[in-house]
Amino acid sequence: MRAHPVGLGLGALAVGFLSASLLPSSHAERRAYTRAADKLRGLADELESSGQFEDAVSSLRRMAITSAAERLTEKEPDTSPKRTAKRGERKGG
């Protein structure tokens, strides 16, 4: 457990998701899902009838691509102790 705490946490999370997926959904969950699905269908029908559906899909696609590209190009500085020590050794010597 001490050697791999992150792996243990991820394993526990996976077991939780699996067990939750095996449980039947409640009446309240089904009712909420049905309401949300109906609202989305209505919105999609309105967009399609007004001719804006393709524009909305294209806009969402561009936003997703832009967001993914930004995430891929972000670089977080490595501040781990080993990396910091190596940088200090190079600068000083």
N, C-alpha and C. Protein backbone atom coordinates (compact mmCIF):
# COMPACT_ATOMS: atom_id res chain seq x y z
N MET A 1 0.82 -1.18 0.00
CA MET A 1 0.00 0.00 0.00
C MET A 1 0.87 1.26 0.00
N ARG A 2 1.94 1.25 0.74
CA ARG A 2 2.79 2.44 0.80
C ARG A 2 3.59 2.62 -0.48
N ALA A 3 3.86 1.53 -1.17
CA ALA A 3 4.66 1.62 -2.39
C ALA A 3 3.89 2.26 -3.55
N HIS A 4 2.60 2.01 -3.62
CA HIS A 4 1.81 2.49 -4.76
C HIS A 4 0.47 3.08 -4.31
N PRO A 5 0.47 4.19 -3.58
CA PRO A 5 -0.80 4.74 -3.09
C PRO A 5 -1.69 5.27 -4.21
N VAL A 6 -1.09 5.82 -5.27
CA VAL A 6 -1.90 6.35 -6.37
C VAL A 6 -2.58 5.20 -7.11
N GLY A 7 -1.83 4.13 -7.35
CA GLY A 7 -2.42 2.96 -8.00
C GLY A 7 -3.54 2.37 -7.19
N LEU A 8 -3.35 2.32 -5.89
CA LEU A 8 -4.40 1.81 -5.01
C LEU A 8 -5.64 2.70 -5.07
N GLY A 9 -5.43 4.00 -5.07
CA GLY A 9 -6.55 4.93 -5.16
C GLY A 9 -7.30 4.80 -6.48
N LEU A 10 -6.55 4.67 -7.58
CA LEU A 10 -7.19 4.51 -8.89
C LEU A 10 -7.93 3.19 -8.97
N GLY A 11 -7.35 2.14 -8.37
CA GLY A 11 -8.04 0.85 -8.34
C GLY A 11 -9.33 0.93 -7.56
N ALA A 12 -9.30 1.61 -6.42
CA ALA A 12 -10.51 1.77 -5.61
C ALA A 12 -11.57 2.56 -6.38
N LEU A 13 -11.12 3.58 -7.10
CA LEU A 13 -12.05 4.39 -7.89
C LEU A 13 -12.68 3.53 -8.99
N ALA A 14 -11.87 2.70 -9.65
CA ALA A 14 -12.39 1.82 -10.70
C ALA A 14 -13.40 0.83 -10.14
N VAL A 15 -13.11 0.27 -8.98
CA VAL A 15 -14.05 -0.67 -8.35
C VAL A 15 -15.35 0.06 -8.00
N GLY A 16 -15.25 1.30 -7.54
CA GLY A 16 -16.44 2.08 -7.23
C GLY A 16 -17.29 2.33 -8.46
N PHE A 17 -16.65 2.72 -9.57
CA PHE A 17 -17.40 2.95 -10.80
C PHE A 17 -18.06 1.66 -11.29
N LEU A 18 -17.32 0.56 -11.23
CA LEU A 18 -17.86 -0.73 -11.68
C LEU A 18 -19.05 -1.13 -10.83
N SER A 19 -18.92 -1.03 -9.52
CA SER A 19 -20.03 -1.42 -8.65
C SER A 19 -21.23 -0.50 -8.86
N ALA A 20 -20.99 0.79 -9.08
CA ALA A 20 -22.10 1.72 -9.32
C ALA A 20 -22.80 1.41 -10.64
N SER A 21 -22.04 0.98 -11.64
CA SER A 21 -22.65 0.67 -12.93
C SER A 21 -23.48 -0.61 -12.86
N LEU A 22 -23.19 -1.48 -11.91
CA LEU A 22 -23.95 -2.72 -11.78
C LEU A 22 -25.27 -2.52 -11.02
N LEU A 23 -25.36 -1.45 -10.25
CA LEU A 23 -26.58 -1.17 -9.50
C LEU A 23 -27.66 -0.63 -10.44
N PRO A 24 -28.89 -1.03 -10.24
CA PRO A 24 -29.95 -0.49 -11.10
C PRO A 24 -30.17 1.00 -10.81
N SER A 25 -30.57 1.73 -11.83
CA SER A 25 -30.81 3.16 -11.64
C SER A 25 -32.12 3.35 -10.88
N SER A 26 -32.17 4.42 -10.13
CA SER A 26 -33.37 4.71 -9.35
C SER A 26 -34.42 5.39 -10.22
N HIS A 27 -35.62 5.46 -9.70
CA HIS A 27 -36.71 6.11 -10.41
C HIS A 27 -36.39 7.60 -10.64
N ALA A 28 -35.80 8.24 -9.63
CA ALA A 28 -35.46 9.66 -9.76
C ALA A 28 -34.40 9.87 -10.84
N GLU A 29 -33.42 8.98 -10.92
CA GLU A 29 -32.38 9.10 -11.96
C GLU A 29 -32.98 8.94 -13.34
N ARG A 30 -33.85 7.95 -13.51
CA ARG A 30 -34.48 7.74 -14.82
C ARG A 30 -35.34 8.93 -15.21
N ARG A 31 -36.07 9.50 -14.23
CA ARG A 31 -36.93 10.65 -14.51
C ARG A 31 -36.08 11.86 -14.91
N ALA A 32 -34.97 12.09 -14.20
CA ALA A 32 -34.09 13.22 -14.54
C ALA A 32 -33.47 13.04 -15.92
N TYR A 33 -33.05 11.81 -16.22
CA TYR A 33 -32.45 11.53 -17.53
C TYR A 33 -33.48 11.77 -18.64
N THR A 34 -34.71 11.32 -18.41
CA THR A 34 -35.75 11.49 -19.42
C THR A 34 -36.04 12.96 -19.67
N ARG A 35 -36.12 13.76 -18.60
CA ARG A 35 -36.34 15.21 -18.76
C ARG A 35 -35.22 15.87 -19.54
N ALA A 36 -33.98 15.55 -19.17
CA ALA A 36 -32.84 16.15 -19.86
C ALA A 36 -32.81 15.73 -21.33
N ALA A 37 -33.08 14.46 -21.60
CA ALA A 37 -33.07 13.98 -22.98
C ALA A 37 -34.17 14.67 -23.79
N ASP A 38 -35.34 14.84 -23.20
CA ASP A 38 -36.43 15.53 -23.91
C ASP A 38 -36.07 16.97 -24.22
N LYS A 39 -35.47 17.67 -23.26
CA LYS A 39 -35.06 19.06 -23.49
C LYS A 39 -34.02 19.15 -24.59
N LEU A 40 -33.05 18.23 -24.58
CA LEU A 40 -32.01 18.26 -25.61
C LEU A 40 -32.58 17.93 -26.98
N ARG A 41 -33.50 16.98 -27.04
CA ARG A 41 -34.14 16.67 -28.33
C ARG A 41 -34.90 17.89 -28.85
N GLY A 42 -35.62 18.57 -27.95
CA GLY A 42 -36.36 19.76 -28.36
C GLY A 42 -35.43 20.85 -28.88
N LEU A 43 -34.31 21.05 -28.18
CA LEU A 43 -33.34 22.06 -28.60
C LEU A 43 -32.73 21.69 -29.95
N ALA A 44 -32.39 20.41 -30.13
CA ALA A 44 -31.83 19.96 -31.40
C ALA A 44 -32.84 20.14 -32.53
N ASP A 45 -34.11 19.84 -32.26
CA ASP A 45 -35.15 20.03 -33.29
C ASP A 45 -35.29 21.50 -33.67
N GLU A 46 -35.25 22.39 -32.66
CA GLU A 46 -35.34 23.83 -32.95
C GLU A 46 -34.16 24.29 -33.79
N LEU A 47 -32.97 23.85 -33.41
CA LEU A 47 -31.79 24.25 -34.17
C LEU A 47 -31.84 23.73 -35.60
N GLU A 48 -32.30 22.49 -35.74
CA GLU A 48 -32.36 21.90 -37.08
C GLU A 48 -33.40 22.60 -37.95
N SER A 49 -34.55 22.91 -37.37
CA SER A 49 -35.61 23.56 -38.15
C SER A 49 -35.22 24.99 -38.54
N SER A 50 -34.39 25.63 -37.72
CA SER A 50 -33.97 27.00 -38.05
C SER A 50 -32.73 27.01 -38.94
N GLY A 51 -32.19 25.84 -39.22
CA GLY A 51 -31.00 25.77 -40.08
C GLY A 51 -29.71 26.08 -39.36
N GLN A 52 -29.75 26.14 -38.04
CA GLN A 52 -28.56 26.47 -37.27
C GLN A 52 -27.88 25.25 -36.66
N PHE A 53 -28.43 24.07 -36.89
CA PHE A 53 -27.88 22.87 -36.27
C PHE A 53 -26.43 22.62 -36.69
N GLU A 54 -26.19 22.67 -37.99
CA GLU A 54 -24.82 22.43 -38.50
C GLU A 54 -23.85 23.49 -37.98
N ASP A 55 -24.31 24.74 -37.90
CA ASP A 55 -23.46 25.81 -37.35
C ASP A 55 -23.11 25.54 -35.90
N ALA A 56 -24.10 25.09 -35.12
CA ALA A 56 -23.86 24.80 -33.71
C ALA A 56 -22.88 23.64 -33.55
N VAL A 57 -23.05 22.60 -34.36
CA VAL A 57 -22.14 21.45 -34.30
C VAL A 57 -20.73 21.87 -34.71
N SER A 58 -20.62 22.67 -35.75
CA SER A 58 -19.30 23.15 -36.19
C SER A 58 -18.64 24.00 -35.11
N SER A 59 -19.42 24.85 -34.48
CA SER A 59 -18.89 25.70 -33.41
C SER A 59 -18.40 24.86 -32.24
N LEU A 60 -19.19 23.87 -31.84
CA LEU A 60 -18.78 22.98 -30.75
C LEU A 60 -17.52 22.21 -31.11
N ARG A 61 -17.44 21.75 -32.35
CA ARG A 61 -16.27 21.01 -32.81
C ARG A 61 -15.01 21.88 -32.74
N ARG A 62 -15.14 23.14 -33.21
CA ARG A 62 -13.99 24.06 -33.16
C ARG A 62 -13.56 24.32 -31.72
N MET A 63 -14.55 24.51 -30.83
CA MET A 63 -14.23 24.76 -29.42
C MET A 63 -13.51 23.56 -28.81
N ALA A 64 -13.97 22.35 -29.13
CA ALA A 64 -13.34 21.15 -28.58
C ALA A 64 -11.91 21.00 -29.10
N ILE A 65 -11.70 21.25 -30.38
CA ILE A 65 -10.37 21.14 -30.96
C ILE A 65 -9.43 22.18 -30.36
N THR A 66 -9.93 23.41 -30.22
CA THR A 66 -9.11 24.48 -29.63
C THR A 66 -8.74 24.15 -28.20
N SER A 67 -9.70 23.68 -27.44
CA SER A 67 -9.45 23.33 -26.04
C SER A 67 -8.43 22.19 -25.94
N ALA A 68 -8.59 21.18 -26.78
CA ALA A 68 -7.65 20.06 -26.76
C ALA A 68 -6.25 20.51 -27.15
N ALA A 69 -6.16 21.37 -28.16
CA ALA A 69 -4.85 21.86 -28.60
C ALA A 69 -4.19 22.68 -27.50
N GLU A 70 -4.97 23.50 -26.81
CA GLU A 70 -4.40 24.30 -25.71
C GLU A 70 -3.89 23.39 -24.60
N ARG A 71 -4.64 22.35 -24.30
CA ARG A 71 -4.21 21.41 -23.25
C ARG A 71 -2.92 20.71 -23.64
N LEU A 72 -2.82 20.34 -24.91
CA LEU A 72 -1.63 19.62 -25.37
C LEU A 72 -0.39 20.51 -25.38
N THR A 73 -0.59 21.80 -25.64
CA THR A 73 0.56 22.70 -25.73
C THR A 73 0.94 23.30 -24.38
N GLU A 74 0.08 23.17 -23.37
CA GLU A 74 0.43 23.67 -22.05
C GLU A 74 1.59 22.88 -21.49
N LYS A 75 2.52 23.57 -20.89
CA LYS A 75 3.64 22.90 -20.25
C LYS A 75 3.70 23.36 -18.82
N GLU A 76 3.63 22.41 -17.91
CA GLU A 76 3.76 22.75 -16.51
C GLU A 76 5.23 22.59 -16.14
N PRO A 77 5.79 23.53 -15.40
CA PRO A 77 7.19 23.39 -15.01
C PRO A 77 7.37 22.20 -14.08
N ASP A 78 8.45 21.45 -14.31
CA ASP A 78 8.76 20.31 -13.47
C ASP A 78 9.51 20.81 -12.24
N THR A 79 8.86 20.77 -11.11
CA THR A 79 9.48 21.28 -9.89
C THR A 79 9.81 20.16 -8.92
N SER A 80 9.97 18.93 -9.45
CA SER A 80 10.32 17.83 -8.57
C SER A 80 11.73 18.06 -8.03
N PRO A 81 12.04 17.57 -6.84
CA PRO A 81 13.36 17.81 -6.23
C PRO A 81 14.52 17.35 -7.10
N LYS A 82 14.39 16.22 -7.77
CA LYS A 82 15.49 15.72 -8.62
C LYS A 82 15.74 16.67 -9.78
N ARG A 83 14.65 17.12 -10.43
CA ARG A 83 14.80 18.03 -11.56
C ARG A 83 15.41 19.35 -11.13
N THR A 84 14.96 19.88 -10.00
CA THR A 84 15.48 21.16 -9.50
C THR A 84 16.96 21.06 -9.17
N ALA A 85 17.38 19.94 -8.57
CA ALA A 85 18.78 19.75 -8.22
C ALA A 85 19.63 19.68 -9.48
N LYS A 86 19.15 18.97 -10.50
CA LYS A 86 19.92 18.86 -11.74
C LYS A 86 20.07 20.22 -12.40
N ARG A 87 19.01 21.02 -12.40
CA ARG A 87 19.10 22.34 -13.00
C ARG A 87 20.11 23.21 -12.24
N GLY A 88 20.10 23.11 -10.92
CA GLY A 88 21.04 23.87 -10.12
C GLY A 88 22.48 23.46 -10.36
N GLU A 89 22.70 22.17 -10.58
CA GLU A 89 24.05 21.68 -10.83
C GLU A 89 24.55 22.21 -12.17
N ARG A 90 23.69 22.23 -13.17
CA ARG A 90 24.10 22.74 -14.48
C ARG A 90 24.43 24.21 -14.43
N LYS A 91 23.61 24.97 -13.73
CA LYS A 91 23.84 26.41 -13.67
C LYS A 91 25.13 26.73 -12.91
N GLY A 92 25.35 26.01 -11.81
CA GLY A 92 26.49 26.32 -10.97
C GLY A 92 27.80 25.74 -11.52
N GLY A 93 27.75 24.72 -12.31
CA GLY A 93 28.99 24.06 -12.65
C GLY A 93 29.20 23.95 -14.06
